[in-house]
Amino acid sequence: MPDPAAGGDALVPVVILLVEDDEVIRRSVAMALERYGYGVTSAGDGLTGLELFREGGHDLLLLDVMLPELDGIGLCRRIRETSTAPILMMSARGDTPDVVSGLEAGADDYVVKPVDTAMLVARIRSLLRRATVAPTAAPADAAVAAADGSRVRPPDGSARLDQSAPSHQRARLVFGDLAIDMAGLEVFLAGEPVALAPTELRLLLEFVAHPGIVLYRQTLLRNVWDFGWDGDSRVVDLCVQRLRKKIDAERIEMVRGFGYKLRR
């Protein structure tokens, strides 16, 4: 994966799969992205887009909701069966049903057409940054499981993990039956691996860094999605719903009118 902070200006360009049935929009969006240095592969329908995706080599997918053969929602679901690649949906109206359906299908974010190029590129860069999640320090009061299965806490209370140890020897953050290998960025529930999309993983790491603390939706938009005032809180709610289904719905508690918190 190229350096996401460099956008499309890295030595090896980021390659985007654009699936849009309107030829005029498809060409104009592709040209705009190419001017920013991105590589673009285009398709005019969902089935062709799925075939191109399966050929590999794409760092991010930009999908229209309304597509012939296989619509964007169905295409998103098919892709999520095998891939955690960042997915950005395009909706003609930004209607709630389109937005909700796309995010529930596994999309990471959405934009409304006609698409402002600067906004589109900002969202793409944000998604690419999220796709390269960096490990963070463990919370000071987190229990840590050593390689032998025992739970330990460093005497200074820092609970930092040894990221240089081999994977089978690394310590894990433990919250009940939820374990997180911060160095390998792997999540386990009751000993079984849990496949999380990059945004879901970043969201979980944000909760893990603040156990028991209510995180406001706008805080999560800023820290996980890199959005300020223009972010859509529906993105947070739907991504939290997906995460809860994967790691046990009771583990993340909704605090009505405020946000969410990770149960200790």
C-alpha atoms as a PDB file:
ATOM      1  CA  MET A   1       0.000   0.000   0.000  1.00  0.00           C
ATOM      2  CA  PRO A   2       1.489   3.399  -0.911  1.00  0.00           C
ATOM      3  CA  ASP A   3       1.910   6.052   1.736  1.00  0.00           C
ATOM      4  CA  PRO A   4      -1.675   7.272   2.253  1.00  0.00           C
ATOM      5  CA  ALA A   5      -0.551  10.611   3.639  1.00  0.00           C
ATOM      6  CA  ALA A   6       0.968  11.387   0.257  1.00  0.00           C
ATOM      7  CA  GLY A   7      -2.353  10.855  -1.516  1.00  0.00           C
ATOM      8  CA  GLY A   8      -1.714   9.799  -5.079  1.00  0.00           C
ATOM      9  CA  ASP A   9       1.716  11.422  -5.159  1.00  0.00           C
ATOM     10  CA  ALA A  10       3.641   8.390  -3.892  1.00  0.00           C
ATOM     11  CA  LEU A  11       6.128   6.634  -6.173  1.00  0.00           C
ATOM     12  CA  VAL A  12       3.675   3.773  -6.589  1.00  0.00           C
ATOM     13  CA  PRO A  13       0.258   5.389  -7.134  1.00  0.00           C
ATOM     14  CA  VAL A  14      -2.799   4.374  -5.208  1.00  0.00           C
ATOM     15  CA  VAL A  15      -5.148   2.498  -7.551  1.00  0.00           C
ATOM     16  CA  ILE A  16      -8.874   3.154  -7.240  1.00  0.00           C
ATOM     17  CA  LEU A  17     -11.612   0.985  -8.708  1.00  0.00           C
ATOM     18  CA  LEU A  18     -14.392   3.330  -9.864  1.00  0.00           C
ATOM     19  CA  VAL A  19     -17.757   1.720 -10.649  1.00  0.00           C
ATOM     20  CA  GLU A  20     -20.244   4.227 -12.110  1.00  0.00           C
ATOM     21  CA  ASP A  21     -22.807   3.618 -14.861  1.00  0.00           C
ATOM     22  CA  ASP A  22     -23.067   7.232 -16.058  1.00  0.00           C
ATOM     23  CA  GLU A  23     -20.274   7.551 -18.625  1.00  0.00           C
ATOM     24  CA  VAL A  24     -19.955  11.327 -18.271  1.00  0.00           C
ATOM     25  CA  ILE A  25     -19.640  11.140 -14.491  1.00  0.00           C
ATOM     26  CA  ARG A  26     -17.317   8.135 -14.719  1.00  0.00           C
ATOM     27  CA  ARG A  27     -14.937   9.914 -17.081  1.00  0.00           C
ATOM     28  CA  SER A  28     -14.983  13.218 -15.207  1.00  0.00           C
ATOM     29  CA  VAL A  29     -14.351  11.585 -11.801  1.00  0.00           C
ATOM     30  CA  ALA A  30     -11.586   9.396 -13.243  1.00  0.00           C
ATOM     31  CA  MET A  31      -9.892  12.407 -14.853  1.00  0.00           C
ATOM     32  CA  ALA A  32     -10.139  14.408 -11.630  1.00  0.00           C
ATOM     33  CA  LEU A  33      -8.603  11.605  -9.579  1.00  0.00           C
ATOM     34  CA  GLU A  34      -5.841  11.053 -12.128  1.00  0.00           C
ATOM     35  CA  ARG A  35      -4.946  14.756 -11.876  1.00  0.00           C
ATOM     36  CA  TYR A  36      -4.283  14.126  -8.187  1.00  0.00           C
ATOM     37  CA  GLY A  37      -1.946  11.270  -9.111  1.00  0.00           C
ATOM     38  CA  TYR A  38      -4.239   8.320  -8.480  1.00  0.00           C
ATOM     39  CA  GLY A  39      -4.456   5.343 -10.787  1.00  0.00           C
ATOM     40  CA  VAL A  40      -8.052   4.614 -11.800  1.00  0.00           C
ATOM     41  CA  THR A  41      -9.687   1.450 -13.152  1.00  0.00           C
ATOM     42  CA  SER A  42     -13.273   2.015 -14.310  1.00  0.00           C
ATOM     43  CA  ALA A  43     -16.362  -0.111 -14.817  1.00  0.00           C
ATOM     44  CA  GLY A  44     -19.893   0.778 -15.917  1.00  0.00           C
ATOM     45  CA  ASP A  45     -21.832  -1.954 -14.108  1.00  0.00           C
ATOM     46  CA  GLY A  46     -21.631  -3.981 -10.922  1.00  0.00           C
ATOM     47  CA  LEU A  47     -20.715  -7.356 -12.403  1.00  0.00           C
ATOM     48  CA  THR A  48     -17.846  -5.908 -14.425  1.00  0.00           C
ATOM     49  CA  GLY A  49     -16.723  -4.061 -11.317  1.00  0.00           C
ATOM     50  CA  LEU A  50     -16.743  -7.332  -9.358  1.00  0.00           C
ATOM     51  CA  GLU A  51     -14.654  -9.045 -12.042  1.00  0.00           C
ATOM     52  CA  LEU A  52     -12.113  -6.212 -12.031  1.00  0.00           C
ATOM     53  CA  PHE A  53     -11.950  -6.280  -8.249  1.00  0.00           C
ATOM     54  CA  ARG A  54     -11.240 -10.011  -8.265  1.00  0.00           C
ATOM     55  CA  GLU A  55      -8.298  -9.416 -10.594  1.00  0.00           C
ATOM     56  CA  GLY A  56      -6.718  -7.531  -7.698  1.00  0.00           C
ATOM     57  CA  GLY A  57      -4.429  -4.551  -7.405  1.00  0.00           C
ATOM     58  CA  HIS A  58      -6.938  -2.009  -6.061  1.00  0.00           C
ATOM     59  CA  ASP A  59      -6.300   0.011  -2.914  1.00  0.00           C
ATOM     60  CA  LEU A  60      -9.768   1.576  -2.618  1.00  0.00           C
ATOM     61  CA  LEU A  61     -13.193   1.198  -4.230  1.00  0.00           C
ATOM     62  CA  LEU A  62     -15.507   4.043  -5.240  1.00  0.00           C
ATOM     63  CA  LEU A  63     -18.967   2.631  -5.929  1.00  0.00           C
ATOM     64  CA  ASP A  64     -22.165   4.245  -7.158  1.00  0.00           C
ATOM     65  CA  VAL A  65     -25.313   3.016  -5.401  1.00  0.00           C
ATOM     66  CA  MET A  66     -27.448   2.691  -8.548  1.00  0.00           C
ATOM     67  CA  LEU A  67     -25.735   0.285 -10.961  1.00  0.00           C
ATOM     68  CA  PRO A  68     -27.018  -2.107 -13.641  1.00  0.00           C
ATOM     69  CA  GLU A  69     -26.523  -5.898 -13.387  1.00  0.00           C
ATOM     70  CA  LEU A  70     -25.460  -5.709  -9.734  1.00  0.00           C
ATOM     71  CA  ASP A  71     -26.201  -2.571  -7.730  1.00  0.00           C
ATOM     72  CA  GLY A  72     -23.643  -0.864  -5.525  1.00  0.00           C
ATOM     73  CA  ILE A  73     -25.107  -2.283  -2.310  1.00  0.00           C
ATOM     74  CA  GLY A  74     -24.921  -5.846  -3.620  1.00  0.00           C
ATOM     75  CA  LEU A  75     -21.428  -5.237  -4.993  1.00  0.00           C
ATOM     76  CA  CYS A  76     -20.301  -3.890  -1.629  1.00  0.00           C
ATOM     77  CA  ARG A  77     -21.627  -6.995   0.128  1.00  0.00           C
ATOM     78  CA  ARG A  78     -19.879  -9.311  -2.330  1.00  0.00           C
ATOM     79  CA  ILE A  79     -16.592  -7.491  -1.850  1.00  0.00           C
ATOM     80  CA  ARG A  80     -16.903  -7.590   1.934  1.00  0.00           C
ATOM     81  CA  GLU A  81     -17.149 -11.392   1.791  1.00  0.00           C
ATOM     82  CA  THR A  82     -13.445 -11.574   0.973  1.00  0.00           C
ATOM     83  CA  SER A  83     -11.895  -8.142   1.448  1.00  0.00           C
ATOM     84  CA  THR A  84     -11.479  -5.321   3.951  1.00  0.00           C
ATOM     85  CA  ALA A  85     -10.429  -2.819   1.270  1.00  0.00           C
ATOM     86  CA  PRO A  86     -11.744   0.708   1.917  1.00  0.00           C
ATOM     87  CA  ILE A  87     -15.084   1.332   0.183  1.00  0.00           C
ATOM     88  CA  LEU A  88     -16.550   4.765  -0.512  1.00  0.00           C
ATOM     89  CA  MET A  89     -20.136   4.863  -1.783  1.00  0.00           C
ATOM     90  CA  MET A  90     -21.593   7.565  -4.054  1.00  0.00           C
ATOM     91  CA  SER A  91     -25.284   8.399  -3.632  1.00  0.00           C
ATOM     92  CA  ALA A  92     -27.257  10.576  -6.065  1.00  0.00           C
ATOM     93  CA  ARG A  93     -29.387  12.159  -3.356  1.00  0.00           C
ATOM     94  CA  GLY A  94     -27.857  11.278  -0.039  1.00  0.00           C
ATOM     95  CA  ASP A  95     -31.208   9.785   0.958  1.00  0.00           C
ATOM     96  CA  THR A  96     -31.202   7.994   4.296  1.00  0.00           C
ATOM     97  CA  PRO A  97     -32.175   4.577   2.828  1.00  0.00           C
ATOM     98  CA  ASP A  98     -29.257   4.685   0.341  1.00  0.00           C
ATOM     99  CA  VAL A  99     -26.792   5.820   2.988  1.00  0.00           C
ATOM    100  CA  VAL A 100     -27.947   3.307   5.590  1.00  0.00           C
ATOM    101  CA  SER A 101     -28.001   0.418   3.107  1.00  0.00           C
ATOM    102  CA  GLY A 102     -24.499   1.195   1.879  1.00  0.00           C
ATOM    103  CA  LEU A 103     -23.008   1.488   5.348  1.00  0.00           C
ATOM    104  CA  GLU A 104     -24.795  -1.621   6.589  1.00  0.00           C
ATOM    105  CA  ALA A 105     -23.426  -3.512   3.579  1.00  0.00           C
ATOM    106  CA  GLY A 106     -19.903  -2.698   4.772  1.00  0.00           C
ATOM    107  CA  ALA A 107     -19.015   0.631   3.164  1.00  0.00           C
ATOM    108  CA  ASP A 108     -16.717   2.879   5.189  1.00  0.00           C
ATOM    109  CA  ASP A 109     -18.130   6.222   4.078  1.00  0.00           C
ATOM    110  CA  TYR A 110     -20.240   7.921   1.413  1.00  0.00           C
ATOM    111  CA  VAL A 111     -20.351  11.097  -0.671  1.00  0.00           C
ATOM    112  CA  VAL A 112     -23.301  12.757  -2.395  1.00  0.00           C
ATOM    113  CA  LYS A 113     -23.355  13.442  -6.138  1.00  0.00           C
ATOM    114  CA  PRO A 114     -22.566  15.758  -7.787  1.00  0.00           C
ATOM    115  CA  VAL A 115     -19.236  15.132  -6.104  1.00  0.00           C
ATOM    116  CA  ASP A 116     -16.971  18.008  -5.158  1.00  0.00           C
ATOM    117  CA  THR A 117     -13.481  16.916  -6.195  1.00  0.00           C
ATOM    118  CA  ALA A 118     -11.690  18.427  -3.203  1.00  0.00           C
ATOM    119  CA  MET A 119     -14.129  16.755  -0.799  1.00  0.00           C
ATOM    120  CA  LEU A 120     -13.841  13.431  -2.640  1.00  0.00           C
ATOM    121  CA  VAL A 121     -10.050  13.467  -2.472  1.00  0.00           C
ATOM    122  CA  ALA A 122     -10.165  14.409   1.223  1.00  0.00           C
ATOM    123  CA  ARG A 123     -12.439  11.460   1.947  1.00  0.00           C
ATOM    124  CA  ILE A 124     -10.233   9.120  -0.094  1.00  0.00           C
ATOM    125  CA  ARG A 125      -7.119  10.210   1.788  1.00  0.00           C
ATOM    126  CA  SER A 126      -8.922   9.747   5.087  1.00  0.00           C
ATOM    127  CA  LEU A 127      -9.956   6.205   4.137  1.00  0.00           C
ATOM    128  CA  LEU A 128      -6.434   5.335   3.042  1.00  0.00           C
ATOM    129  CA  ARG A 129      -5.025   6.589   6.338  1.00  0.00           C
ATOM    130  CA  ARG A 130      -7.538   4.427   8.194  1.00  0.00           C
ATOM    131  CA  ALA A 131      -6.488   1.416   6.120  1.00  0.00           C
ATOM    132  CA  THR A 132      -2.988   1.653   7.622  1.00  0.00           C
ATOM    133  CA  VAL A 133      -3.840   1.459  11.321  1.00  0.00           C
ATOM    134  CA  ALA A 134      -0.937   2.181  13.653  1.00  0.00           C
ATOM    135  CA  PRO A 135      -0.783   0.388  17.026  1.00  0.00           C
ATOM    136  CA  THR A 136      -1.418   2.619  20.040  1.00  0.00           C
ATOM    137  CA  ALA A 137      -0.322   2.371  23.646  1.00  0.00           C
ATOM    138  CA  ALA A 138      -2.474   0.293  25.928  1.00  0.00           C
ATOM    139  CA  PRO A 139      -4.675   2.107  28.460  1.00  0.00           C
ATOM    140  CA  ALA A 140      -2.978   2.393  31.839  1.00  0.00           C
ATOM    141  CA  ASP A 141      -5.473   0.178  33.649  1.00  0.00           C
ATOM    142  CA  ALA A 142      -5.831  -2.567  31.028  1.00  0.00           C
ATOM    143  CA  ALA A 143      -5.140  -6.157  31.972  1.00  0.00           C
ATOM    144  CA  VAL A 144      -2.534  -7.808  29.766  1.00  0.00           C
ATOM    145  CA  ALA A 145      -2.317 -11.501  28.966  1.00  0.00           C
ATOM    146  CA  ALA A 146       1.197 -12.893  28.785  1.00  0.00           C
ATOM    147  CA  ALA A 147       2.268 -15.695  26.457  1.00  0.00           C
ATOM    148  CA  ASP A 148       1.557 -18.327  29.122  1.00  0.00           C
ATOM    149  CA  GLY A 149      -2.034 -17.110  29.460  1.00  0.00           C
ATOM    150  CA  SER A 150      -1.572 -15.351  32.796  1.00  0.00           C
ATOM    151  CA  ARG A 151      -2.648 -11.750  33.233  1.00  0.00           C
ATOM    152  CA  VAL A 152       0.026  -9.295  34.209  1.00  0.00           C
ATOM    153  CA  ARG A 153       0.317  -5.568  34.839  1.00  0.00           C
ATOM    154  CA  PRO A 154       3.658  -3.751  34.624  1.00  0.00           C
ATOM    155  CA  PRO A 155       4.675  -2.203  37.971  1.00  0.00           C
ATOM    156  CA  ASP A 156       4.546   1.317  36.538  1.00  0.00           C
ATOM    157  CA  GLY A 157       0.967   0.796  35.341  1.00  0.00           C
ATOM    158  CA  SER A 158       1.773   1.689  31.735  1.00  0.00           C
ATOM    159  CA  ALA A 159       0.657  -1.693  30.313  1.00  0.00           C
ATOM    160  CA  ARG A 160       2.653  -1.097  27.130  1.00  0.00           C
ATOM    161  CA  LEU A 161       3.151  -4.095  24.887  1.00  0.00           C
ATOM    162  CA  ASP A 162       6.379  -5.600  23.557  1.00  0.00           C
ATOM    163  CA  GLN A 163       5.790  -5.200  19.817  1.00  0.00           C
ATOM    164  CA  SER A 164       9.165  -6.721  18.923  1.00  0.00           C
ATOM    165  CA  ALA A 165       8.350 -10.178  20.287  1.00  0.00           C
ATOM    166  CA  PRO A 166       7.378 -13.026  17.929  1.00  0.00           C
ATOM    167  CA  SER A 167       3.635 -13.239  17.318  1.00  0.00           C
ATOM    168  CA  HIS A 168       3.231 -16.372  19.475  1.00  0.00           C
ATOM    169  CA  GLN A 169       4.945 -14.635  22.418  1.00  0.00           C
ATOM    170  CA  ARG A 170       3.326 -11.210  22.254  1.00  0.00           C
ATOM    171  CA  ALA A 171       1.121 -10.018  25.086  1.00  0.00           C
ATOM    172  CA  ARG A 172      -2.496  -9.141  24.403  1.00  0.00           C
ATOM    173  CA  LEU A 173      -4.919  -6.623  25.832  1.00  0.00           C
ATOM    174  CA  VAL A 174      -7.761  -8.547  27.442  1.00  0.00           C
ATOM    175  CA  PHE A 175     -11.310  -7.366  28.101  1.00  0.00           C
ATOM    176  CA  GLY A 176     -13.213 -10.437  29.288  1.00  0.00           C
ATOM    177  CA  ASP A 177     -13.207 -12.899  26.372  1.00  0.00           C
ATOM    178  CA  LEU A 178     -12.084 -10.167  23.944  1.00  0.00           C
ATOM    179  CA  ALA A 179      -8.329 -10.119  23.262  1.00  0.00           C
ATOM    180  CA  ILE A 180      -6.422  -7.666  21.092  1.00  0.00           C
ATOM    181  CA  ASP A 181      -2.899  -8.189  19.803  1.00  0.00           C
ATOM    182  CA  MET A 182      -1.847  -4.550  19.441  1.00  0.00           C
ATOM    183  CA  ALA A 183       1.379  -5.339  17.593  1.00  0.00           C
ATOM    184  CA  GLY A 184      -0.171  -7.716  15.079  1.00  0.00           C
ATOM    185  CA  LEU A 185      -3.485  -5.805  14.969  1.00  0.00           C
ATOM    186  CA  GLU A 186      -5.426  -9.038  15.444  1.00  0.00           C
ATOM    187  CA  VAL A 187      -8.655  -9.402  17.402  1.00  0.00           C
ATOM    188  CA  PHE A 188      -9.915 -12.579  19.080  1.00  0.00           C
ATOM    189  CA  LEU A 189     -13.263 -13.356  20.707  1.00  0.00           C
ATOM    190  CA  ALA A 190     -13.315 -16.421  22.948  1.00  0.00           C
ATOM    191  CA  GLY A 191     -10.078 -17.498  21.274  1.00  0.00           C
ATOM    192  CA  GLU A 192     -11.453 -17.248  17.735  1.00  0.00           C
ATOM    193  CA  PRO A 193     -10.111 -14.632  15.275  1.00  0.00           C
ATOM    194  CA  VAL A 194     -12.481 -11.804  14.355  1.00  0.00           C
ATOM    195  CA  ALA A 195     -12.174 -10.213  10.900  1.00  0.00           C
ATOM    196  CA  LEU A 196     -12.600  -6.454  11.162  1.00  0.00           C
ATOM    197  CA  ALA A 197     -12.562  -3.891   8.359  1.00  0.00           C
ATOM    198  CA  PRO A 198      -9.944  -1.130   8.862  1.00  0.00           C
ATOM    199  CA  THR A 199     -12.527   1.389  10.064  1.00  0.00           C
ATOM    200  CA  GLU A 200     -13.998  -1.126  12.502  1.00  0.00           C
ATOM    201  CA  LEU A 201     -10.525  -1.881  13.847  1.00  0.00           C
ATOM    202  CA  ARG A 202      -9.691   1.796  14.312  1.00  0.00           C
ATOM    203  CA  LEU A 203     -13.027   2.276  16.050  1.00  0.00           C
ATOM    204  CA  LEU A 204     -12.293  -0.629  18.414  1.00  0.00           C
ATOM    205  CA  LEU A 205      -8.813   0.724  19.167  1.00  0.00           C
ATOM    206  CA  GLU A 206     -10.350   4.096  20.023  1.00  0.00           C
ATOM    207  CA  PHE A 207     -12.686   2.409  22.511  1.00  0.00           C
ATOM    208  CA  VAL A 208      -9.863   0.270  23.913  1.00  0.00           C
ATOM    209  CA  ALA A 209      -7.766   3.381  24.538  1.00  0.00           C
ATOM    210  CA  HIS A 210     -10.625   4.830  26.653  1.00  0.00           C
ATOM    211  CA  PRO A 211     -12.351   1.907  28.448  1.00  0.00           C
ATOM    212  CA  GLY A 212     -15.398   2.910  30.452  1.00  0.00           C
ATOM    213  CA  ILE A 213     -15.341   6.467  29.070  1.00  0.00           C
ATOM    214  CA  VAL A 214     -18.203   7.803  26.951  1.00  0.00           C
ATOM    215  CA  LEU A 215     -16.930   8.823  23.521  1.00  0.00           C
ATOM    216  CA  TYR A 216     -19.126  11.383  21.781  1.00  0.00           C
ATOM    217  CA  ARG A 217     -20.073  10.786  18.155  1.00  0.00           C
ATOM    218  CA  GLN A 218     -18.255  13.941  17.056  1.00  0.00           C
ATOM    219  CA  THR A 219     -15.155  12.763  18.931  1.00  0.00           C
ATOM    220  CA  LEU A 220     -15.271   9.452  17.073  1.00  0.00           C
ATOM    221  CA  LEU A 221     -15.797  11.247  13.737  1.00  0.00           C
ATOM    222  CA  ARG A 222     -12.726  13.366  14.422  1.00  0.00           C
ATOM    223  CA  ASN A 223     -10.457  10.607  15.739  1.00  0.00           C
ATOM    224  CA  VAL A 224     -11.519   7.674  13.550  1.00  0.00           C
ATOM    225  CA  TRP A 225     -12.929   9.255  10.395  1.00  0.00           C
ATOM    226  CA  ASP A 226     -10.800  12.445  10.426  1.00  0.00           C
ATOM    227  CA  PHE A 227     -13.976  14.507  10.045  1.00  0.00           C
ATOM    228  CA  GLY A 228     -14.825  17.743  11.802  1.00  0.00           C
ATOM    229  CA  TRP A 229     -18.167  19.482  11.763  1.00  0.00           C
ATOM    230  CA  ASP A 230     -19.195  18.145   8.316  1.00  0.00           C
ATOM    231  CA  GLY A 231     -19.166  14.483   9.339  1.00  0.00           C
ATOM    232  CA  ASP A 232     -22.378  12.450   9.396  1.00  0.00           C
ATOM    233  CA  SER A 233     -23.057  10.777  12.752  1.00  0.00           C
ATOM    234  CA  ARG A 234     -24.981   8.016  10.948  1.00  0.00           C
ATOM    235  CA  VAL A 235     -21.605   6.715   9.800  1.00  0.00           C
ATOM    236  CA  VAL A 236     -20.582   6.273  13.434  1.00  0.00           C
ATOM    237  CA  ASP A 237     -23.829   4.612  14.493  1.00  0.00           C
ATOM    238  CA  LEU A 238     -23.826   2.084  11.668  1.00  0.00           C
ATOM    239  CA  CYS A 239     -20.149   1.222  12.015  1.00  0.00           C
ATOM    240  CA  VAL A 240     -20.627   0.721  15.761  1.00  0.00           C
ATOM    241  CA  GLN A 241     -23.554  -1.589  14.975  1.00  0.00           C
ATOM    242  CA  ARG A 242     -21.339  -3.670  12.667  1.00  0.00           C
ATOM    243  CA  LEU A 243     -18.592  -3.795  15.289  1.00  0.00           C
ATOM    244  CA  ARG A 244     -21.023  -4.814  18.044  1.00  0.00           C
ATOM    245  CA  LYS A 245     -22.262  -7.738  15.958  1.00  0.00           C
ATOM    246  CA  LYS A 246     -18.710  -8.999  15.602  1.00  0.00           C
ATOM    247  CA  ILE A 247     -17.369  -8.602  19.146  1.00  0.00           C
ATOM    248  CA  ASP A 248     -20.549  -9.089  21.240  1.00  0.00           C
ATOM    249  CA  ALA A 249     -23.282  -6.456  21.243  1.00  0.00           C
ATOM    250  CA  GLU A 250     -23.180  -6.009  25.033  1.00  0.00           C
ATOM    251  CA  ARG A 251     -19.509  -5.028  25.064  1.00  0.00           C
ATOM    252  CA  ILE A 252     -20.092  -1.575  23.576  1.00  0.00           C
ATOM    253  CA  GLU A 253     -22.810   0.348  25.365  1.00  0.00           C
ATOM    254  CA  MET A 254     -24.787   3.177  23.791  1.00  0.00           C
ATOM    255  CA  VAL A 255     -25.283   6.211  26.014  1.00  0.00           C
ATOM    256  CA  ARG A 256     -28.380   7.838  24.547  1.00  0.00           C
ATOM    257  CA  GLY A 257     -27.949  11.401  23.416  1.00  0.00           C
ATOM    258  CA  PHE A 258     -24.170  11.264  23.794  1.00  0.00           C
ATOM    259  CA  GLY A 259     -22.264   8.380  22.234  1.00  0.00           C
ATOM    260  CA  TYR A 260     -20.763   5.003  23.160  1.00  0.00           C
ATOM    261  CA  LYS A 261     -18.418   3.430  25.677  1.00  0.00           C
ATOM    262  CA  LEU A 262     -16.542   0.141  26.009  1.00  0.00           C
ATOM    263  CA  ARG A 263     -17.573  -1.848  29.057  1.00  0.00           C
ATOM    264  CA  ARG A 264     -14.646  -2.664  31.311  1.00  0.00           C
END
